[in-house]
Amino acid sequence: MDSAFQGLLRDAGQSVRAMREGFGIVGIPIIEANARFLASATHEEILRIEAEIRRWGDTSLRVEYKGFCGDRQIFEGFEARVWLARASNGKPAPAAIPEAFKKAFAAP
């Protein structure tokens, strides 16, 4: 799921490196994750993973995933991530997600 999140960022013209440089964040770590496996797959099978940001909080977001092998759904899951910036004391702390970042994921 984390690799699919990186792809979601790239598709929106973002990357963690660009977010650090452009928005001054420390990172956007996973704070919660879960998956439910619906069918099995072998190591040789190619999985297609759909990722979508389904909820925006002030300082967090929830990404939902569906994994497929062909037309067969293999799993569904989610990650909750928090937007971390450097606080005035120099330590990482949750911060408001910039509207410019959210707009990068808006449908045209």
PDB file of N, CA and C in Angstrom:
ATOM      1  N   MET A   1       0.830  -1.193   0.000  1.00  0.00           N
ATOM      2  CA  MET A   1       0.000   0.000   0.000  1.00  0.00           C
ATOM      3  C   MET A   1       0.869   1.249   0.000  1.00  0.00           C
ATOM      4  N   ASP A   2       1.986   1.206   0.694  1.00  0.00           N
ATOM      5  CA  ASP A   2       2.855   2.382   0.723  1.00  0.00           C
ATOM      6  C   ASP A   2       3.388   2.700  -0.666  1.00  0.00           C
ATOM      7  N   SER A   3       3.746   1.683  -1.437  1.00  0.00           N
ATOM      8  CA  SER A   3       4.207   1.924  -2.809  1.00  0.00           C
ATOM      9  C   SER A   3       3.092   2.541  -3.654  1.00  0.00           C
ATOM     10  N   ALA A   4       1.863   2.083  -3.450  1.00  0.00           N
ATOM     11  CA  ALA A   4       0.732   2.660  -4.182  1.00  0.00           C
ATOM     12  C   ALA A   4       0.521   4.118  -3.771  1.00  0.00           C
ATOM     13  N   PHE A   5       0.776   4.443  -2.510  1.00  0.00           N
ATOM     14  CA  PHE A   5       0.663   5.836  -2.064  1.00  0.00           C
ATOM     15  C   PHE A   5       1.699   6.703  -2.773  1.00  0.00           C
ATOM     16  N   GLN A   6       2.915   6.187  -2.911  1.00  0.00           N
ATOM     17  CA  GLN A   6       3.949   6.944  -3.622  1.00  0.00           C
ATOM     18  C   GLN A   6       3.528   7.181  -5.067  1.00  0.00           C
ATOM     19  N   GLY A   7       2.889   6.189  -5.697  1.00  0.00           N
ATOM     20  CA  GLY A   7       2.366   6.350  -7.054  1.00  0.00           C
ATOM     21  C   GLY A   7       1.251   7.381  -7.108  1.00  0.00           C
ATOM     22  N   LEU A   8       0.394   7.388  -6.094  1.00  0.00           N
ATOM     23  CA  LEU A   8      -0.679   8.382  -6.015  1.00  0.00           C
ATOM     24  C   LEU A   8      -0.090   9.791  -5.941  1.00  0.00           C
ATOM     25  N   LEU A   9       0.963   9.943  -5.142  1.00  0.00           N
ATOM     26  CA  LEU A   9       1.651  11.238  -5.067  1.00  0.00           C
ATOM     27  C   LEU A   9       2.199  11.638  -6.437  1.00  0.00           C
ATOM     28  N   ARG A  10       2.907  10.713  -7.097  1.00  0.00           N
ATOM     29  CA  ARG A  10       3.490  11.018  -8.413  1.00  0.00           C
ATOM     30  C   ARG A  10       2.416  11.420  -9.420  1.00  0.00           C
ATOM     31  N   ASP A  11       1.287  10.700  -9.411  1.00  0.00           N
ATOM     32  CA  ASP A  11       0.197  11.007 -10.340  1.00  0.00           C
ATOM     33  C   ASP A  11      -0.345  12.419 -10.126  1.00  0.00           C
ATOM     34  N   ALA A  12      -0.217  12.942  -8.901  1.00  0.00           N
ATOM     35  CA  ALA A  12      -0.691  14.296  -8.578  1.00  0.00           C
ATOM     36  C   ALA A  12       0.437  15.318  -8.693  1.00  0.00           C
ATOM     37  N   GLY A  13       1.583  14.894  -9.242  1.00  0.00           N
ATOM     38  CA  GLY A  13       2.709  15.809  -9.391  1.00  0.00           C
ATOM     39  C   GLY A  13       3.432  16.103  -8.094  1.00  0.00           C
ATOM     40  N   GLN A  14       3.326  15.189  -7.137  1.00  0.00           N
ATOM     41  CA  GLN A  14       3.935  15.377  -5.821  1.00  0.00           C
ATOM     42  C   GLN A  14       4.957  14.276  -5.562  1.00  0.00           C
ATOM     43  N   SER A  15       5.784  14.474  -4.572  1.00  0.00           N
ATOM     44  CA  SER A  15       6.684  13.457  -4.036  1.00  0.00           C
ATOM     45  C   SER A  15       7.029  13.910  -2.625  1.00  0.00           C
ATOM     46  N   VAL A  16       7.488  13.001  -1.817  1.00  0.00           N
ATOM     47  CA  VAL A  16       7.846  13.383  -0.445  1.00  0.00           C
ATOM     48  C   VAL A  16       8.958  14.422  -0.487  1.00  0.00           C
ATOM     49  N   ARG A  17       9.917  14.249  -1.371  1.00  0.00           N
ATOM     50  CA  ARG A  17      11.009  15.224  -1.488  1.00  0.00           C
ATOM     51  C   ARG A  17      10.465  16.606  -1.878  1.00  0.00           C
ATOM     52  N   ALA A  18       9.582  16.654  -2.872  1.00  0.00           N
ATOM     53  CA  ALA A  18       9.006  17.937  -3.293  1.00  0.00           C
ATOM     54  C   ALA A  18       8.169  18.552  -2.178  1.00  0.00           C
ATOM     55  N   MET A  19       7.488  17.706  -1.408  1.00  0.00           N
ATOM     56  CA  MET A  19       6.673  18.213  -0.301  1.00  0.00           C
ATOM     57  C   MET A  19       7.562  18.794   0.792  1.00  0.00           C
ATOM     58  N   ARG A  20       8.703  18.171   1.034  1.00  0.00           N
ATOM     59  CA  ARG A  20       9.635  18.717   2.027  1.00  0.00           C
ATOM     60  C   ARG A  20      10.152  20.074   1.575  1.00  0.00           C
ATOM     61  N   GLU A  21      10.505  20.156   0.290  1.00  0.00           N
ATOM     62  CA  GLU A  21      11.042  21.417  -0.239  1.00  0.00           C
ATOM     63  C   GLU A  21       9.957  22.480  -0.394  1.00  0.00           C
ATOM     64  N   GLY A  22       8.797  22.104  -0.933  1.00  0.00           N
ATOM     65  CA  GLY A  22       7.751  23.074  -1.229  1.00  0.00           C
ATOM     66  C   GLY A  22       6.886  23.471  -0.048  1.00  0.00           C
ATOM     67  N   PHE A  23       6.629  22.513   0.833  1.00  0.00           N
ATOM     68  CA  PHE A  23       5.737  22.776   1.960  1.00  0.00           C
ATOM     69  C   PHE A  23       6.458  22.792   3.301  1.00  0.00           C
ATOM     70  N   GLY A  24       7.727  22.431   3.313  1.00  0.00           N
ATOM     71  CA  GLY A  24       8.502  22.447   4.548  1.00  0.00           C
ATOM     72  C   GLY A  24       8.106  21.384   5.554  1.00  0.00           C
ATOM     73  N   ILE A  25       7.556  20.272   5.075  1.00  0.00           N
ATOM     74  CA  ILE A  25       7.156  19.230   6.022  1.00  0.00           C
ATOM     75  C   ILE A  25       8.347  18.382   6.443  1.00  0.00           C
ATOM     76  N   VAL A  26       8.183  17.700   7.551  1.00  0.00           N
ATOM     77  CA  VAL A  26       9.151  16.715   8.014  1.00  0.00           C
ATOM     78  C   VAL A  26       8.847  15.400   7.304  1.00  0.00           C
ATOM     79  N   GLY A  27       7.567  15.090   7.163  1.00  0.00           N
ATOM     80  CA  GLY A  27       7.133  13.854   6.521  1.00  0.00           C
ATOM     81  C   GLY A  27       5.629  13.709   6.586  1.00  0.00           C
ATOM     82  N   ILE A  28       5.148  12.574   6.099  1.00  0.00           N
ATOM     83  CA  ILE A  28       3.723  12.270   6.128  1.00  0.00           C
ATOM     84  C   ILE A  28       3.580  10.786   6.501  1.00  0.00           C
ATOM     85  N   PRO A  29       3.962  10.452   7.741  1.00  0.00           N
ATOM     86  CA  PRO A  29       4.027   9.052   8.162  1.00  0.00           C
ATOM     87  C   PRO A  29       2.654   8.404   8.354  1.00  0.00           C
ATOM     88  N   ILE A  30       2.678   7.088   8.247  1.00  0.00           N
ATOM     89  CA  ILE A  30       1.487   6.279   8.520  1.00  0.00           C
ATOM     90  C   ILE A  30       1.313   6.210  10.035  1.00  0.00           C
ATOM     91  N   ILE A  31       0.113   6.513  10.502  1.00  0.00           N
ATOM     92  CA  ILE A  31      -0.163   6.402  11.941  1.00  0.00           C
ATOM     93  C   ILE A  31      -1.126   5.260  12.248  1.00  0.00           C
ATOM     94  N   GLU A  32      -1.782   4.749  11.192  1.00  0.00           N
ATOM     95  CA  GLU A  32      -2.668   3.602  11.361  1.00  0.00           C
ATOM     96  C   GLU A  32      -2.822   2.954   9.997  1.00  0.00           C
ATOM     97  N   ALA A  33      -2.905   1.631   9.972  1.00  0.00           N
ATOM     98  CA  ALA A  33      -3.114   0.906   8.723  1.00  0.00           C
ATOM     99  C   ALA A  33      -3.851  -0.386   9.016  1.00  0.00           C
ATOM    100  N   ASN A  34      -4.610  -0.833   8.036  1.00  0.00           N
ATOM    101  CA  ASN A  34      -5.320  -2.088   8.173  1.00  0.00           C
ATOM    102  C   ASN A  34      -5.598  -2.622   6.782  1.00  0.00           C
ATOM    103  N   ALA A  35      -5.678  -3.919   6.673  1.00  0.00           N
ATOM    104  CA  ALA A  35      -6.027  -4.557   5.408  1.00  0.00           C
ATOM    105  C   ALA A  35      -6.865  -5.789   5.689  1.00  0.00           C
ATOM    106  N   ARG A  36      -7.736  -6.063   4.763  1.00  0.00           N
ATOM    107  CA  ARG A  36      -8.567  -7.272   4.841  1.00  0.00           C
ATOM    108  C   ARG A  36      -8.332  -8.044   3.556  1.00  0.00           C
ATOM    109  N   PHE A  37      -7.904  -9.280   3.693  1.00  0.00           N
ATOM    110  CA  PHE A  37      -7.591 -10.106   2.539  1.00  0.00           C
ATOM    111  C   PHE A  37      -8.827 -10.898   2.143  1.00  0.00           C
ATOM    112  N   LEU A  38      -9.189 -10.798   0.870  1.00  0.00           N
ATOM    113  CA  LEU A  38     -10.427 -11.389   0.371  1.00  0.00           C
ATOM    114  C   LEU A  38     -10.192 -12.647  -0.445  1.00  0.00           C
ATOM    115  N   ALA A  39      -8.996 -12.789  -1.005  1.00  0.00           N
ATOM    116  CA  ALA A  39      -8.645 -13.954  -1.811  1.00  0.00           C
ATOM    117  C   ALA A  39      -7.124 -14.087  -1.786  1.00  0.00           C
ATOM    118  N   SER A  40      -6.646 -15.235  -2.198  1.00  0.00           N
ATOM    119  CA  SER A  40      -5.204 -15.443  -2.202  1.00  0.00           C
ATOM    120  C   SER A  40      -4.616 -15.109  -3.573  1.00  0.00           C
ATOM    121  N   ALA A  41      -3.325 -14.850  -3.567  1.00  0.00           N
ATOM    122  CA  ALA A  41      -2.565 -14.629  -4.796  1.00  0.00           C
ATOM    123  C   ALA A  41      -1.201 -15.259  -4.591  1.00  0.00           C
ATOM    124  N   THR A  42      -0.552 -15.638  -5.678  1.00  0.00           N
ATOM    125  CA  THR A  42       0.781 -16.207  -5.585  1.00  0.00           C
ATOM    126  C   THR A  42       1.817 -15.126  -5.837  1.00  0.00           C
ATOM    127  N   HIS A  43       3.079 -15.437  -5.537  1.00  0.00           N
ATOM    128  CA  HIS A  43       4.174 -14.481  -5.752  1.00  0.00           C
ATOM    129  C   HIS A  43       4.336 -14.135  -7.224  1.00  0.00           C
ATOM    130  N   GLU A  44       3.938 -15.012  -8.115  1.00  0.00           N
ATOM    131  CA  GLU A  44       4.112 -14.784  -9.546  1.00  0.00           C
ATOM    132  C   GLU A  44       3.028 -13.887 -10.144  1.00  0.00           C
ATOM    133  N   GLU A  45       1.928 -13.717  -9.446  1.00  0.00           N
ATOM    134  CA  GLU A  45       0.832 -12.918  -9.987  1.00  0.00           C
ATOM    135  C   GLU A  45       1.105 -11.422  -9.831  1.00  0.00           C
ATOM    136  N   ILE A  46       0.655 -10.673 -10.809  1.00  0.00           N
ATOM    137  CA  ILE A  46       0.807  -9.223 -10.800  1.00  0.00           C
ATOM    138  C   ILE A  46      -0.441  -8.611 -10.164  1.00  0.00           C
ATOM    139  N   LEU A  47      -0.226  -7.761  -9.172  1.00  0.00           N
ATOM    140  CA  LEU A  47      -1.336  -7.078  -8.508  1.00  0.00           C
ATOM    141  C   LEU A  47      -1.462  -5.660  -9.045  1.00  0.00           C
ATOM    142  N   ARG A  48      -2.685  -5.221  -9.201  1.00  0.00           N
ATOM    143  CA  ARG A  48      -2.987  -3.828  -9.531  1.00  0.00           C
ATOM    144  C   ARG A  48      -3.637  -3.237  -8.288  1.00  0.00           C
ATOM    145  N   ILE A  49      -3.106  -2.117  -7.834  1.00  0.00           N
ATOM    146  CA  ILE A  49      -3.628  -1.507  -6.605  1.00  0.00           C
ATOM    147  C   ILE A  49      -4.197  -0.139  -6.929  1.00  0.00           C
ATOM    148  N   GLU A  50      -5.445   0.057  -6.559  1.00  0.00           N
ATOM    149  CA  GLU A  50      -6.102   1.357  -6.695  1.00  0.00           C
ATOM    150  C   GLU A  50      -5.993   2.081  -5.362  1.00  0.00           C
ATOM    151  N   ALA A  51      -5.608   3.342  -5.408  1.00  0.00           N
ATOM    152  CA  ALA A  51      -5.464   4.146  -4.194  1.00  0.00           C
ATOM    153  C   ALA A  51      -6.218   5.449  -4.381  1.00  0.00           C
ATOM    154  N   GLU A  52      -6.896   5.869  -3.326  1.00  0.00           N
ATOM    155  CA  GLU A  52      -7.659   7.119  -3.382  1.00  0.00           C
ATOM    156  C   GLU A  52      -7.692   7.758  -1.998  1.00  0.00           C
ATOM    157  N   ILE A  53      -7.472   9.051  -1.956  1.00  0.00           N
ATOM    158  CA  ILE A  53      -7.632   9.773  -0.687  1.00  0.00           C
ATOM    159  C   ILE A  53      -9.128   9.953  -0.487  1.00  0.00           C
ATOM    160  N   ARG A  54      -9.639   9.346   0.567  1.00  0.00           N
ATOM    161  CA  ARG A  54     -11.088   9.335   0.806  1.00  0.00           C
ATOM    162  C   ARG A  54     -11.529  10.311   1.892  1.00  0.00           C
ATOM    163  N   ARG A  55     -10.580  10.774   2.702  1.00  0.00           N
ATOM    164  CA  ARG A  55     -10.959  11.723   3.758  1.00  0.00           C
ATOM    165  C   ARG A  55      -9.796  12.643   4.037  1.00  0.00           C
ATOM    166  N   TRP A  56     -10.112  13.914   4.088  1.00  0.00           N
ATOM    167  CA  TRP A  56      -9.134  14.934   4.481  1.00  0.00           C
ATOM    168  C   TRP A  56      -9.515  15.449   5.856  1.00  0.00           C
ATOM    169  N   GLY A  57      -8.588  15.382   6.793  1.00  0.00           N
ATOM    170  CA  GLY A  57      -8.754  16.043   8.074  1.00  0.00           C
ATOM    171  C   GLY A  57      -7.955  17.336   8.033  1.00  0.00           C
ATOM    172  N   ASP A  58      -7.928  18.047   9.120  1.00  0.00           N
ATOM    173  CA  ASP A  58      -7.117  19.269   9.178  1.00  0.00           C
ATOM    174  C   ASP A  58      -5.631  18.944   9.067  1.00  0.00           C
ATOM    175  N   THR A  59      -5.202  17.898   9.782  1.00  0.00           N
ATOM    176  CA  THR A  59      -3.781  17.547   9.810  1.00  0.00           C
ATOM    177  C   THR A  59      -3.522  16.107   9.353  1.00  0.00           C
ATOM    178  N   SER A  60      -4.553  15.439   8.889  1.00  0.00           N
ATOM    179  CA  SER A  60      -4.395  14.035   8.507  1.00  0.00           C
ATOM    180  C   SER A  60      -5.210  13.724   7.262  1.00  0.00           C
ATOM    181  N   LEU A  61      -4.935  12.563   6.708  1.00  0.00           N
ATOM    182  CA  LEU A  61      -5.705  12.097   5.560  1.00  0.00           C
ATOM    183  C   LEU A  61      -5.818  10.586   5.629  1.00  0.00           C
ATOM    184  N   ARG A  62      -6.834  10.065   4.974  1.00  0.00           N
ATOM    185  CA  ARG A  62      -7.063   8.620   4.942  1.00  0.00           C
ATOM    186  C   ARG A  62      -7.036   8.183   3.485  1.00  0.00           C
ATOM    187  N   VAL A  63      -6.183   7.214   3.201  1.00  0.00           N
ATOM    188  CA  VAL A  63      -6.057   6.670   1.862  1.00  0.00           C
ATOM    189  C   VAL A  63      -6.639   5.262   1.880  1.00  0.00           C
ATOM    190  N   GLU A  64      -7.554   4.997   0.941  1.00  0.00           N
ATOM    191  CA  GLU A  64      -8.146   3.663   0.852  1.00  0.00           C
ATOM    192  C   GLU A  64      -7.618   2.958  -0.384  1.00  0.00           C
ATOM    193  N   TYR A  65      -7.444   1.648  -0.261  1.00  0.00           N
ATOM    194  CA  TYR A  65      -6.826   0.829  -1.295  1.00  0.00           C
ATOM    195  C   TYR A  65      -7.699  -0.369  -1.628  1.00  0.00           C
ATOM    196  N   LYS A  66      -7.625  -0.769  -2.884  1.00  0.00           N
ATOM    197  CA  LYS A  66      -8.197  -2.033  -3.345  1.00  0.00           C
ATOM    198  C   LYS A  66      -7.142  -2.689  -4.216  1.00  0.00           C
ATOM    199  N   GLY A  67      -6.875  -3.962  -3.958  1.00  0.00           N
ATOM    200  CA  GLY A  67      -5.886  -4.704  -4.732  1.00  0.00           C
ATOM    201  C   GLY A  67      -6.551  -5.781  -5.554  1.00  0.00           C
ATOM    202  N   PHE A  68      -6.146  -5.891  -6.823  1.00  0.00           N
ATOM    203  CA  PHE A  68      -6.756  -6.836  -7.752  1.00  0.00           C
ATOM    204  C   PHE A  68      -5.695  -7.677  -8.440  1.00  0.00           C
ATOM    205  N   CYS A  69      -6.065  -8.893  -8.750  1.00  0.00           N
ATOM    206  CA  CYS A  69      -5.299  -9.767  -9.624  1.00  0.00           C
ATOM    207  C   CYS A  69      -6.248 -10.043 -10.785  1.00  0.00           C
ATOM    208  N   GLY A  70      -5.997  -9.388 -11.918  1.00  0.00           N
ATOM    209  CA  GLY A  70      -6.983  -9.424 -12.993  1.00  0.00           C
ATOM    210  C   GLY A  70      -8.232  -8.714 -12.508  1.00  0.00           C
ATOM    211  N   ASP A  71      -9.379  -9.369 -12.638  1.00  0.00           N
ATOM    212  CA  ASP A  71     -10.645  -8.787 -12.163  1.00  0.00           C
ATOM    213  C   ASP A  71     -10.986  -9.216 -10.739  1.00  0.00           C
ATOM    214  N   ARG A  72     -10.184 -10.108 -10.181  1.00  0.00           N
ATOM    215  CA  ARG A  72     -10.462 -10.671  -8.856  1.00  0.00           C
ATOM    216  C   ARG A  72      -9.882  -9.769  -7.775  1.00  0.00           C
ATOM    217  N   GLN A  73     -10.744  -9.292  -6.871  1.00  0.00           N
ATOM    218  CA  GLN A  73     -10.248  -8.446  -5.785  1.00  0.00           C
ATOM    219  C   GLN A  73      -9.563  -9.314  -4.749  1.00  0.00           C
ATOM    220  N   ILE A  74      -8.325  -8.919  -4.401  1.00  0.00           N
ATOM    221  CA  ILE A  74      -7.498  -9.677  -3.461  1.00  0.00           C
ATOM    222  C   ILE A  74      -7.557  -9.090  -2.053  1.00  0.00           C
ATOM    223  N   PHE A  75      -7.552  -7.762  -1.963  1.00  0.00           N
ATOM    224  CA  PHE A  75      -7.586  -7.143  -0.643  1.00  0.00           C
ATOM    225  C   PHE A  75      -8.203  -5.756  -0.727  1.00  0.00           C
ATOM    226  N   GLU A  76      -8.555  -5.243   0.451  1.00  0.00           N
ATOM    227  CA  GLU A  76      -8.936  -3.842   0.622  1.00  0.00           C
ATOM    228  C   GLU A  76      -8.291  -3.380   1.913  1.00  0.00           C
ATOM    229  N   GLY A  77      -7.938  -2.124   1.961  1.00  0.00           N
ATOM    230  CA  GLY A  77      -7.281  -1.635   3.161  1.00  0.00           C
ATOM    231  C   GLY A  77      -7.246  -0.122   3.197  1.00  0.00           C
ATOM    232  N   PHE A  78      -6.608   0.388   4.236  1.00  0.00           N
ATOM    233  CA  PHE A  78      -6.477   1.834   4.372  1.00  0.00           C
ATOM    234  C   PHE A  78      -5.214   2.173   5.136  1.00  0.00           C
ATOM    235  N   GLU A  79      -4.800   3.409   4.971  1.00  0.00           N
ATOM    236  CA  GLU A  79      -3.749   4.018   5.786  1.00  0.00           C
ATOM    237  C   GLU A  79      -4.270   5.366   6.257  1.00  0.00           C
ATOM    238  N   ALA A  80      -3.963   5.706   7.484  1.00  0.00           N
ATOM    239  CA  ALA A  80      -4.169   7.074   7.978  1.00  0.00           C
ATOM    240  C   ALA A  80      -2.775   7.671   8.091  1.00  0.00           C
ATOM    241  N   ARG A  81      -2.617   8.869   7.564  1.00  0.00           N
ATOM    242  CA  ARG A  81      -1.319   9.552   7.581  1.00  0.00           C
ATOM    243  C   ARG A  81      -1.491  10.924   8.200  1.00  0.00           C
ATOM    244  N   VAL A  82      -0.414  11.413   8.800  1.00  0.00           N
ATOM    245  CA  VAL A  82      -0.449  12.732   9.425  1.00  0.00           C
ATOM    246  C   VAL A  82       0.592  13.623   8.757  1.00  0.00           C
ATOM    247  N   TRP A  83       0.226  14.879   8.584  1.00  0.00           N
ATOM    248  CA  TRP A  83       1.099  15.899   7.986  1.00  0.00           C
ATOM    249  C   TRP A  83       1.969  16.450   9.104  1.00  0.00           C
ATOM    250  N   LEU A  84       3.268  16.198   9.040  1.00  0.00           N
ATOM    251  CA  LEU A  84       4.171  16.643  10.103  1.00  0.00           C
ATOM    252  C   LEU A  84       5.068  17.784   9.619  1.00  0.00           C
ATOM    253  N   ALA A  85       5.076  18.840  10.390  1.00  0.00           N
ATOM    254  CA  ALA A  85       5.963  19.982  10.134  1.00  0.00           C
ATOM    255  C   ALA A  85       6.820  20.195  11.379  1.00  0.00           C
ATOM    256  N   ARG A  86       7.759  21.083  11.273  1.00  0.00           N
ATOM    257  CA  ARG A  86       8.616  21.386  12.413  1.00  0.00           C
ATOM    258  C   ARG A  86       7.924  22.459  13.257  1.00  0.00           C
ATOM    259  N   ALA A  87       7.698  22.163  14.526  1.00  0.00           N
ATOM    260  CA  ALA A  87       7.072  23.118  15.449  1.00  0.00           C
ATOM    261  C   ALA A  87       8.091  24.177  15.860  1.00  0.00           C
ATOM    262  N   SER A  88       7.638  25.190  16.557  1.00  0.00           N
ATOM    263  CA  SER A  88       8.523  26.280  16.985  1.00  0.00           C
ATOM    264  C   SER A  88       9.650  25.783  17.900  1.00  0.00           C
ATOM    265  N   ASN A  89       9.428  24.649  18.578  1.00  0.00           N
ATOM    266  CA  ASN A  89      10.483  24.092  19.434  1.00  0.00           C
ATOM    267  C   ASN A  89      11.444  23.197  18.646  1.00  0.00           C
ATOM    268  N   GLY A  90      11.238  23.099  17.316  1.00  0.00           N
ATOM    269  CA  GLY A  90      12.115  22.322  16.454  1.00  0.00           C
ATOM    270  C   GLY A  90      11.738  20.856  16.320  1.00  0.00           C
ATOM    271  N   LYS A  91      10.730  20.421  17.078  1.00  0.00           N
ATOM    272  CA  LYS A  91      10.317  19.023  17.019  1.00  0.00           C
ATOM    273  C   LYS A  91       9.192  18.836  16.004  1.00  0.00           C
ATOM    274  N   PRO A  92       9.086  17.646  15.390  1.00  0.00           N
ATOM    275  CA  PRO A  92       7.980  17.372  14.470  1.00  0.00           C
ATOM    276  C   PRO A  92       6.642  17.408  15.204  1.00  0.00           C
ATOM    277  N   ALA A  93       5.645  18.005  14.560  1.00  0.00           N
ATOM    278  CA  ALA A  93       4.304  18.090  15.143  1.00  0.00           C
ATOM    279  C   ALA A  93       3.281  18.133  14.014  1.00  0.00           C
ATOM    280  N   PRO A  94       2.081  17.619  14.259  1.00  0.00           N
ATOM    281  CA  PRO A  94       1.038  17.715  13.234  1.00  0.00           C
ATOM    282  C   PRO A  94       0.792  19.174  12.865  1.00  0.00           C
ATOM    283  N   ALA A  95       0.539  19.400  11.576  1.00  0.00           N
ATOM    284  CA  ALA A  95       0.281  20.753  11.075  1.00  0.00           C
ATOM    285  C   ALA A  95      -0.836  20.691  10.049  1.00  0.00           C
ATOM    286  N   ALA A  96      -1.431  21.835   9.775  1.00  0.00           N
ATOM    287  CA  ALA A  96      -2.520  21.913   8.804  1.00  0.00           C
ATOM    288  C   ALA A  96      -2.018  21.533   7.414  1.00  0.00           C
ATOM    289  N   ILE A  97      -2.792  20.713   6.720  1.00  0.00           N
ATOM    290  CA  ILE A  97      -2.460  20.329   5.350  1.00  0.00           C
ATOM    291  C   ILE A  97      -2.779  21.511   4.444  1.00  0.00           C
ATOM    292  N   PRO A  98      -1.821  21.995   3.665  1.00  0.00           N
ATOM    293  CA  PRO A  98      -2.065  23.148   2.793  1.00  0.00           C
ATOM    294  C   PRO A  98      -3.112  22.857   1.715  1.00  0.00           C
ATOM    295  N   GLU A  99      -3.924  23.837   1.423  1.00  0.00           N
ATOM    296  CA  GLU A  99      -4.941  23.704   0.371  1.00  0.00           C
ATOM    297  C   GLU A  99      -4.293  23.392  -0.970  1.00  0.00           C
ATOM    298  N   ALA A 100      -3.117  23.940  -1.240  1.00  0.00           N
ATOM    299  CA  ALA A 100      -2.430  23.680  -2.510  1.00  0.00           C
ATOM    300  C   ALA A 100      -2.130  22.185  -2.669  1.00  0.00           C
ATOM    301  N   PHE A 101      -1.813  21.519  -1.590  1.00  0.00           N
ATOM    302  CA  PHE A 101      -1.568  20.078  -1.647  1.00  0.00           C
ATOM    303  C   PHE A 101      -2.870  19.342  -1.935  1.00  0.00           C
ATOM    304  N   LYS A 102      -3.921  19.712  -1.234  1.00  0.00           N
ATOM    305  CA  LYS A 102      -5.229  19.055  -1.446  1.00  0.00           C
ATOM    306  C   LYS A 102      -5.697  19.253  -2.878  1.00  0.00           C
ATOM    307  N   LYS A 103      -5.512  20.435  -3.430  1.00  0.00           N
ATOM    308  CA  LYS A 103      -5.964  20.739  -4.787  1.00  0.00           C
ATOM    309  C   LYS A 103      -5.258  19.864  -5.818  1.00  0.00           C
ATOM    310  N   ALA A 104      -4.038  19.436  -5.532  1.00  0.00           N
ATOM    311  CA  ALA A 104      -3.308  18.574  -6.470  1.00  0.00           C
ATOM    312  C   ALA A 104      -4.035  17.248  -6.693  1.00  0.00           C
ATOM    313  N   PHE A 105      -4.914  16.868  -5.769  1.00  0.00           N
ATOM    314  CA  PHE A 105      -5.631  15.610  -5.864  1.00  0.00           C
ATOM    315  C   PHE A 105      -7.094  15.785  -6.289  1.00  0.00           C
ATOM    316  N   ALA A 106      -7.504  17.015  -6.534  1.00  0.00           N
ATOM    317  CA  ALA A 106      -8.879  17.274  -6.953  1.00  0.00           C
ATOM    318  C   ALA A 106      -9.075  16.810  -8.378  1.00  0.00           C
ATOM    319  N   ALA A 107     -10.240  16.266  -8.657  1.00  0.00           N
ATOM    320  CA  ALA A 107     -10.561  15.833 -10.018  1.00  0.00           C
ATOM    321  C   ALA A 107     -10.652  17.049 -10.934  1.00  0.00           C
ATOM    322  N   PRO A 108     -10.165  16.912 -12.178  1.00  0.00           N
ATOM    323  CA  PRO A 108     -10.208  18.073 -13.107  1.00  0.00           C
ATOM    324  C   PRO A 108     -11.622  18.458 -13.482  1.00  0.00           C
TER     325      PRO A 108
END
